[in-house]
Amino acid sequence: MMESQDYRVYPYRWVVLLAFMFINLTIQMLWISFASITGPAAAYYGVTDQQIGLLSMIFMIVYIPLSIPASWVIDTFGIRIGVGIGAVLLGVFGLLRGIYASDYLMVLIFTVGIAMGQPFLLNAQTKVAACWFAISERATAAGLATVANFIGTGIGLAVTPFLLENYSLNLIQLIYGAVAALSALLFLVLVRERPPTPPCPAGHDQRALMLDGLKQMLRQGDFWKMIFVFFVGLGIFNGIATWIESIVRPRGFTVTQAGLLGGLLLAGGIAGAIVLPSLSDYFLKRKPFLLLGMICAVPGLIGITLPQVMA
């Protein structure tokens, strides 16, 4: 598809995006795979619910100190190296966690390794979009990557309890580890740094460098408002998702029902990640749709989850 004599977009951009979506889906699946089976997993390993919850919380704990360094690596060395580091950490430690799934200490150690790869994947969405997609497609590309995150979380929450009805916890984690290794391999084989020619006019094919962009954002009041809303909204969601089975177990919910409840929490997020970016690309406006998403997110999460917590 020619857009001018100097720049164009290539069909291969969708291969790159799908490979990127697959590793993001996989790491989210591994993040939350213990959350809806906290009770059975605690009984299996002979540990407390809190120690099982730690397997999910580690991802949030590790993300905070590694987020800025990971963004710097992605901006400095590009997609192949920056995201590749995350893919390798995901594939290697995901598979090792599956192989040694019978030992809680080993599972904990390898979970730290998987978590170290997460910021290299989550922080690269805009970089992938900027390198491969036209300006009018970037929000859609980033939205689809976000959809992959939600789908991975949904699989980890809703599918794991069903698998546990027929398979051992060891085998489930080995399956997830094999999927992680496959997603990492496909990314390393299929993804190229950038297309032969830019996807947009000169000057529009790169996002601001991480440090320069961070300095500019820290001076903007809207940025701090957005940080606060995201902090509250994501904090509520991550907290509920991590402890979903422990929250509903005293109320008579089974692990399967806990997983389905967690999956329902994601339905609105998936719809929003598809619809809002598409509208943003269509109208070529970002801030109104970002604000709309933030306005809807926090009341929606509170409205859905608070009755379950307080019941």
Protein backbone atom coordinates (compact mmCIF):
# COMPACT_ATOMS: atom_id res chain seq x y z
CA MET A 1 0.00 0.00 0.00
CA MET A 2 1.78 3.11 -1.20
CA GLU A 3 1.24 6.28 0.82
CA SER A 4 3.90 8.41 -0.90
CA GLN A 5 7.16 8.06 -2.76
CA ASP A 6 9.10 8.33 0.50
CA TYR A 7 7.21 6.15 2.94
CA ARG A 8 4.79 3.24 3.03
CA VAL A 9 3.33 0.59 5.29
CA TYR A 10 3.92 -3.12 4.73
CA PRO A 11 1.59 -6.07 5.29
CA TYR A 12 4.38 -7.65 7.36
CA ARG A 13 3.59 -5.14 10.11
CA TRP A 14 0.71 -7.40 11.13
CA VAL A 15 3.08 -10.36 11.52
CA VAL A 16 5.26 -8.23 13.80
CA LEU A 17 2.23 -7.10 15.79
CA LEU A 18 0.83 -10.63 16.14
CA ALA A 19 4.18 -11.96 17.38
CA PHE A 20 4.39 -9.08 19.83
CA MET A 21 0.81 -9.68 20.97
CA PHE A 22 1.53 -13.37 21.53
CA ILE A 23 4.39 -12.76 23.98
CA ASN A 24 2.34 -10.13 25.82
CA LEU A 25 -0.58 -12.54 26.05
CA THR A 26 1.70 -15.25 27.37
CA ILE A 27 3.39 -13.23 30.08
CA GLN A 28 0.04 -12.01 31.39
CA MET A 29 -1.19 -15.60 31.44
CA LEU A 30 1.81 -16.64 33.52
CA TRP A 31 1.41 -13.63 35.80
CA ILE A 32 -2.10 -14.48 36.95
CA SER A 33 -2.24 -18.26 36.54
CA PHE A 34 -2.20 -18.96 40.30
CA ALA A 35 -4.72 -16.28 41.30
CA SER A 36 -7.95 -18.20 40.70
CA ILE A 37 -6.58 -21.43 42.22
CA THR A 38 -4.98 -19.91 45.34
CA GLY A 39 -6.54 -22.40 47.77
CA PRO A 40 -5.67 -25.60 45.86
CA ALA A 41 -2.19 -24.30 45.05
CA ALA A 42 -1.53 -23.42 48.71
CA ALA A 43 -2.65 -26.90 49.76
CA TYR A 44 -0.49 -28.53 47.09
CA TYR A 45 2.69 -26.66 48.06
CA GLY A 46 1.94 -26.64 51.79
CA VAL A 47 2.16 -22.84 51.99
CA THR A 48 -0.19 -19.98 52.85
CA ASP A 49 -2.54 -18.08 50.57
CA GLN A 50 -0.23 -15.09 50.96
CA GLN A 51 2.72 -17.06 49.58
CA ILE A 52 0.67 -18.05 46.53
CA GLY A 53 -0.46 -14.44 46.10
CA LEU A 54 3.21 -13.45 46.13
CA LEU A 55 3.66 -15.33 42.84
CA SER A 56 1.40 -12.70 41.23
CA MET A 57 2.54 -9.73 43.31
CA ILE A 58 6.16 -10.29 42.27
CA PHE A 59 5.30 -9.03 38.79
CA MET A 60 4.12 -5.69 40.20
CA ILE A 61 7.01 -5.44 42.65
CA VAL A 62 9.66 -6.12 39.99
CA TYR A 63 8.02 -3.87 37.40
CA ILE A 64 8.50 -0.70 39.47
CA PRO A 65 12.35 -0.61 39.60
CA LEU A 66 12.81 -2.11 36.12
CA SER A 67 10.29 -0.02 34.19
CA ILE A 68 12.52 2.98 33.43
CA PRO A 69 15.69 0.94 32.68
CA ALA A 70 13.66 -1.32 30.37
CA SER A 71 12.25 1.69 28.52
CA TRP A 72 15.76 3.09 28.13
CA VAL A 73 16.99 -0.20 26.66
CA ILE A 74 14.07 -0.33 24.22
CA ASP A 75 14.63 3.26 23.07
CA THR A 76 18.41 2.90 22.84
CA PHE A 77 18.80 -0.53 21.26
CA GLY A 78 15.46 -1.01 19.52
CA ILE A 79 12.80 -3.67 19.37
CA ARG A 80 14.92 -6.68 18.47
CA ILE A 81 17.21 -6.27 21.48
CA GLY A 82 14.93 -4.49 23.95
CA VAL A 83 11.84 -6.64 23.51
CA GLY A 84 14.05 -9.63 22.72
CA ILE A 85 15.46 -9.49 26.26
CA GLY A 86 11.95 -9.74 27.66
CA ALA A 87 11.09 -12.57 25.26
CA VAL A 88 14.16 -14.58 26.30
CA LEU A 89 13.45 -14.07 30.01
CA LEU A 90 9.83 -15.12 29.45
CA GLY A 91 10.71 -18.20 27.41
CA VAL A 92 13.59 -19.50 29.54
CA PHE A 93 12.14 -18.88 33.00
CA GLY A 94 8.59 -19.75 31.95
CA LEU A 95 9.75 -23.15 30.76
CA LEU A 96 11.91 -23.68 33.85
CA ARG A 97 8.96 -22.82 36.10
CA GLY A 98 6.96 -25.49 34.32
CA ILE A 99 9.72 -28.10 34.61
CA TYR A 100 10.22 -27.46 38.34
CA ALA A 101 6.55 -26.78 39.11
CA SER A 102 6.49 -29.25 42.02
CA ASP A 103 8.87 -27.14 44.15
CA TYR A 104 7.47 -23.87 45.52
CA LEU A 105 10.89 -22.28 46.08
CA MET A 106 11.96 -22.99 42.50
CA VAL A 107 8.62 -21.70 41.22
CA LEU A 108 9.15 -18.50 43.21
CA ILE A 109 12.69 -18.01 41.87
CA PHE A 110 11.71 -18.60 38.26
CA THR A 111 8.68 -16.35 38.66
CA VAL A 112 11.08 -13.51 39.51
CA GLY A 113 12.88 -14.25 36.24
CA ILE A 114 9.63 -14.12 34.27
CA ALA A 115 8.64 -10.88 36.02
CA MET A 116 11.92 -9.27 35.00
CA GLY A 117 10.89 -9.70 31.39
CA GLN A 118 7.50 -8.01 31.77
CA PRO A 119 8.58 -4.33 31.53
CA PHE A 120 10.53 -5.09 28.34
CA LEU A 121 7.25 -6.25 26.79
CA LEU A 122 4.63 -3.92 28.26
CA ASN A 123 6.72 -0.78 27.73
CA ALA A 124 7.33 -1.45 24.03
CA GLN A 125 3.80 -1.08 22.68
CA THR A 126 4.24 2.47 21.39
CA LYS A 127 7.72 1.66 20.04
CA VAL A 128 6.40 -1.22 17.94
CA ALA A 129 3.52 0.94 16.70
CA ALA A 130 5.82 3.86 15.85
CA CYS A 131 8.31 1.70 13.94
CA TRP A 132 5.84 -0.27 11.84
CA PHE A 133 2.49 1.52 11.63
CA ALA A 134 1.21 4.69 9.99
CA ILE A 135 0.16 7.51 12.28
CA SER A 136 -3.51 6.75 11.67
CA GLU A 137 -3.02 3.13 12.83
CA ARG A 138 -0.85 3.53 15.89
CA ALA A 139 -3.52 3.75 18.55
CA THR A 140 -5.23 0.72 17.00
CA ALA A 141 -1.96 -1.24 17.06
CA ALA A 142 -1.32 -0.32 20.69
CA GLY A 143 -4.95 -1.15 21.52
CA LEU A 144 -4.64 -4.60 19.98
CA ALA A 145 -1.51 -5.22 22.05
CA THR A 146 -3.53 -4.21 25.11
CA VAL A 147 -6.28 -6.63 24.07
CA ALA A 148 -3.65 -9.38 24.03
CA ASN A 149 -2.76 -8.46 27.62
CA PHE A 150 -6.40 -8.78 28.65
CA ILE A 151 -6.85 -12.07 26.82
CA GLY A 152 -3.75 -13.51 28.49
CA THR A 153 -5.04 -12.41 31.88
CA GLY A 154 -8.44 -13.90 31.08
CA ILE A 155 -6.88 -17.24 30.13
CA GLY A 156 -4.83 -17.31 33.31
CA LEU A 157 -7.87 -16.52 35.46
CA ALA A 158 -10.68 -18.40 33.76
CA VAL A 159 -9.03 -21.35 32.02
CA THR A 160 -6.63 -22.50 34.77
CA PRO A 161 -9.41 -23.72 37.14
CA PHE A 162 -10.98 -25.76 34.33
CA LEU A 163 -7.61 -27.33 33.52
CA LEU A 164 -7.11 -28.14 37.21
CA GLU A 165 -10.24 -30.31 37.12
CA ASN A 166 -8.52 -32.71 34.71
CA TYR A 167 -4.77 -32.15 35.01
CA SER A 168 -2.20 -31.77 37.75
CA LEU A 169 -0.84 -28.37 38.72
CA ASN A 170 2.58 -29.50 37.50
CA LEU A 171 1.29 -30.33 34.04
CA ILE A 172 -0.65 -27.06 33.77
CA GLN A 173 2.45 -25.01 34.55
CA LEU A 174 4.49 -27.09 32.12
CA ILE A 175 1.94 -26.39 29.39
CA TYR A 176 2.06 -22.68 30.15
CA GLY A 177 5.86 -22.81 30.15
CA ALA A 178 5.91 -24.50 26.75
CA VAL A 179 3.58 -21.80 25.38
CA ALA A 180 5.93 -19.16 26.80
CA ALA A 181 8.93 -20.75 25.11
CA LEU A 182 7.04 -20.98 21.81
CA SER A 183 5.94 -17.34 21.94
CA ALA A 184 9.51 -16.22 22.66
CA LEU A 185 10.90 -18.31 19.80
CA LEU A 186 8.34 -16.97 17.32
CA PHE A 187 9.12 -13.40 18.31
CA LEU A 188 12.88 -13.87 17.88
CA VAL A 189 12.42 -15.56 14.51
CA LEU A 190 9.71 -13.36 12.99
CA VAL A 191 10.22 -9.83 14.28
CA ARG A 192 12.46 -7.39 12.43
CA GLU A 193 13.66 -4.08 13.82
CA ARG A 194 11.87 -1.91 11.28
CA PRO A 195 10.47 -2.02 7.72
CA PRO A 196 12.66 -1.25 4.68
CA THR A 197 11.12 2.23 4.44
CA PRO A 198 9.46 4.37 7.14
CA PRO A 199 5.70 4.02 7.66
CA CYS A 200 5.16 7.79 7.86
CA PRO A 201 6.83 11.13 7.01
CA ALA A 202 10.25 11.88 8.46
CA GLY A 203 10.06 12.99 12.06
CA HIS A 204 6.90 11.02 12.83
CA ASP A 205 8.39 7.53 12.88
CA GLN A 206 9.95 7.76 16.34
CA ARG A 207 8.50 8.42 19.75
CA ALA A 208 10.31 10.78 22.12
CA LEU A 209 13.34 9.27 23.79
CA MET A 210 12.42 7.87 27.17
CA LEU A 211 14.45 10.29 29.33
CA ASP A 212 13.56 13.36 27.25
CA GLY A 213 9.90 12.41 27.19
CA LEU A 214 9.88 11.73 30.93
CA LYS A 215 11.35 15.16 31.68
CA GLN A 216 8.67 16.82 29.58
CA MET A 217 5.83 14.83 31.11
CA LEU A 218 6.92 15.48 34.70
CA ARG A 219 6.40 19.21 34.07
CA GLN A 220 2.79 18.72 32.96
CA GLY A 221 -0.11 18.79 35.38
CA ASP A 222 -2.24 16.49 33.22
CA PHE A 223 0.44 13.82 33.46
CA TRP A 224 0.24 13.72 37.25
CA LYS A 225 -3.57 13.54 37.11
CA MET A 226 -3.31 10.64 34.67
CA ILE A 227 -0.76 8.88 36.88
CA PHE A 228 -3.09 9.15 39.86
CA VAL A 229 -6.09 7.75 37.99
CA PHE A 230 -4.06 4.90 36.50
CA PHE A 231 -2.49 4.18 39.90
CA VAL A 232 -5.93 3.84 41.51
CA GLY A 233 -7.58 2.00 38.62
CA LEU A 234 -4.80 -0.49 37.97
CA GLY A 235 -4.24 -0.92 41.70
CA ILE A 236 -7.86 -1.93 42.18
CA PHE A 237 -7.83 -4.28 39.21
CA ASN A 238 -4.49 -5.92 40.04
CA GLY A 239 -5.43 -6.30 43.69
CA ILE A 240 -8.79 -7.91 42.91
CA ALA A 241 -7.29 -10.13 40.19
CA THR A 242 -4.48 -11.33 42.47
CA TRP A 243 -6.75 -12.24 45.37
CA ILE A 244 -9.94 -13.13 43.47
CA GLU A 245 -10.17 -16.71 44.73
CA SER A 246 -9.34 -15.81 48.33
CA ILE A 247 -11.99 -13.07 48.27
CA VAL A 248 -14.85 -15.20 46.99
CA ARG A 249 -13.93 -18.55 48.59
CA PRO A 250 -15.51 -17.70 52.01
CA ARG A 251 -18.74 -16.87 50.14
CA GLY A 252 -19.00 -20.38 48.73
CA PHE A 253 -17.51 -19.81 45.27
CA THR A 254 -15.55 -22.63 43.67
CA VAL A 255 -12.22 -22.02 41.93
CA THR A 256 -14.00 -22.38 38.58
CA GLN A 257 -16.53 -19.71 39.54
CA ALA A 258 -13.72 -17.48 40.82
CA GLY A 259 -11.97 -17.82 37.48
CA LEU A 260 -15.14 -16.97 35.56
CA LEU A 261 -15.72 -13.93 37.77
CA GLY A 262 -12.19 -12.75 37.05
CA GLY A 263 -12.80 -13.28 33.35
CA LEU A 264 -15.94 -11.14 33.50
CA LEU A 265 -13.92 -8.28 34.98
CA LEU A 266 -11.89 -8.23 31.79
CA ALA A 267 -14.79 -8.06 29.33
CA GLY A 268 -15.15 -4.29 29.59
CA GLY A 269 -11.42 -3.79 29.31
CA ILE A 270 -11.23 -5.85 26.12
CA ALA A 271 -14.13 -3.94 24.56
CA GLY A 272 -12.62 -0.61 25.54
CA ALA A 273 -9.18 -1.55 24.21
CA ILE A 274 -10.73 -2.32 20.82
CA VAL A 275 -13.29 0.50 20.52
CA LEU A 276 -11.54 3.53 22.05
CA PRO A 277 -8.25 3.28 20.11
CA SER A 278 -10.16 2.73 16.87
CA LEU A 279 -12.21 5.87 17.51
CA SER A 280 -9.04 7.74 18.45
CA ASP A 281 -7.43 6.79 15.14
CA TYR A 282 -10.59 7.66 13.19
CA PHE A 283 -10.91 11.15 14.68
CA LEU A 284 -7.10 11.61 15.03
CA LYS A 285 -7.56 12.79 18.61
CA ARG A 286 -5.89 11.22 21.67
CA LYS A 287 -6.65 13.18 24.82
CA PRO A 288 -10.50 13.03 24.73
CA PHE A 289 -10.50 9.25 24.35
CA LEU A 290 -7.77 8.82 26.97
CA LEU A 291 -9.85 10.86 29.39
CA LEU A 292 -12.97 8.86 28.48
CA GLY A 293 -11.16 5.62 29.18
CA MET A 294 -9.91 6.87 32.54
CA ILE A 295 -13.36 8.21 33.50
CA CYS A 296 -14.97 4.84 32.72
CA ALA A 297 -12.26 2.64 34.21
CA VAL A 298 -12.23 3.48 37.91
CA PRO A 299 -16.01 3.65 38.56
CA GLY A 300 -16.46 0.49 36.50
CA LEU A 301 -13.90 -1.48 38.43
CA ILE A 302 -15.16 -0.22 41.77
CA GLY A 303 -18.78 -0.85 40.82
CA ILE A 304 -18.07 -4.41 39.74
CA THR A 305 -15.65 -5.46 42.45
CA LEU A 306 -16.61 -3.59 45.60
CA PRO A 307 -19.85 -5.54 46.17
CA GLN A 308 -17.87 -8.78 45.98
CA VAL A 309 -15.32 -7.49 48.48
CA MET A 310 -17.85 -6.11 50.94
CA ALA A 311 -20.47 -8.86 50.71
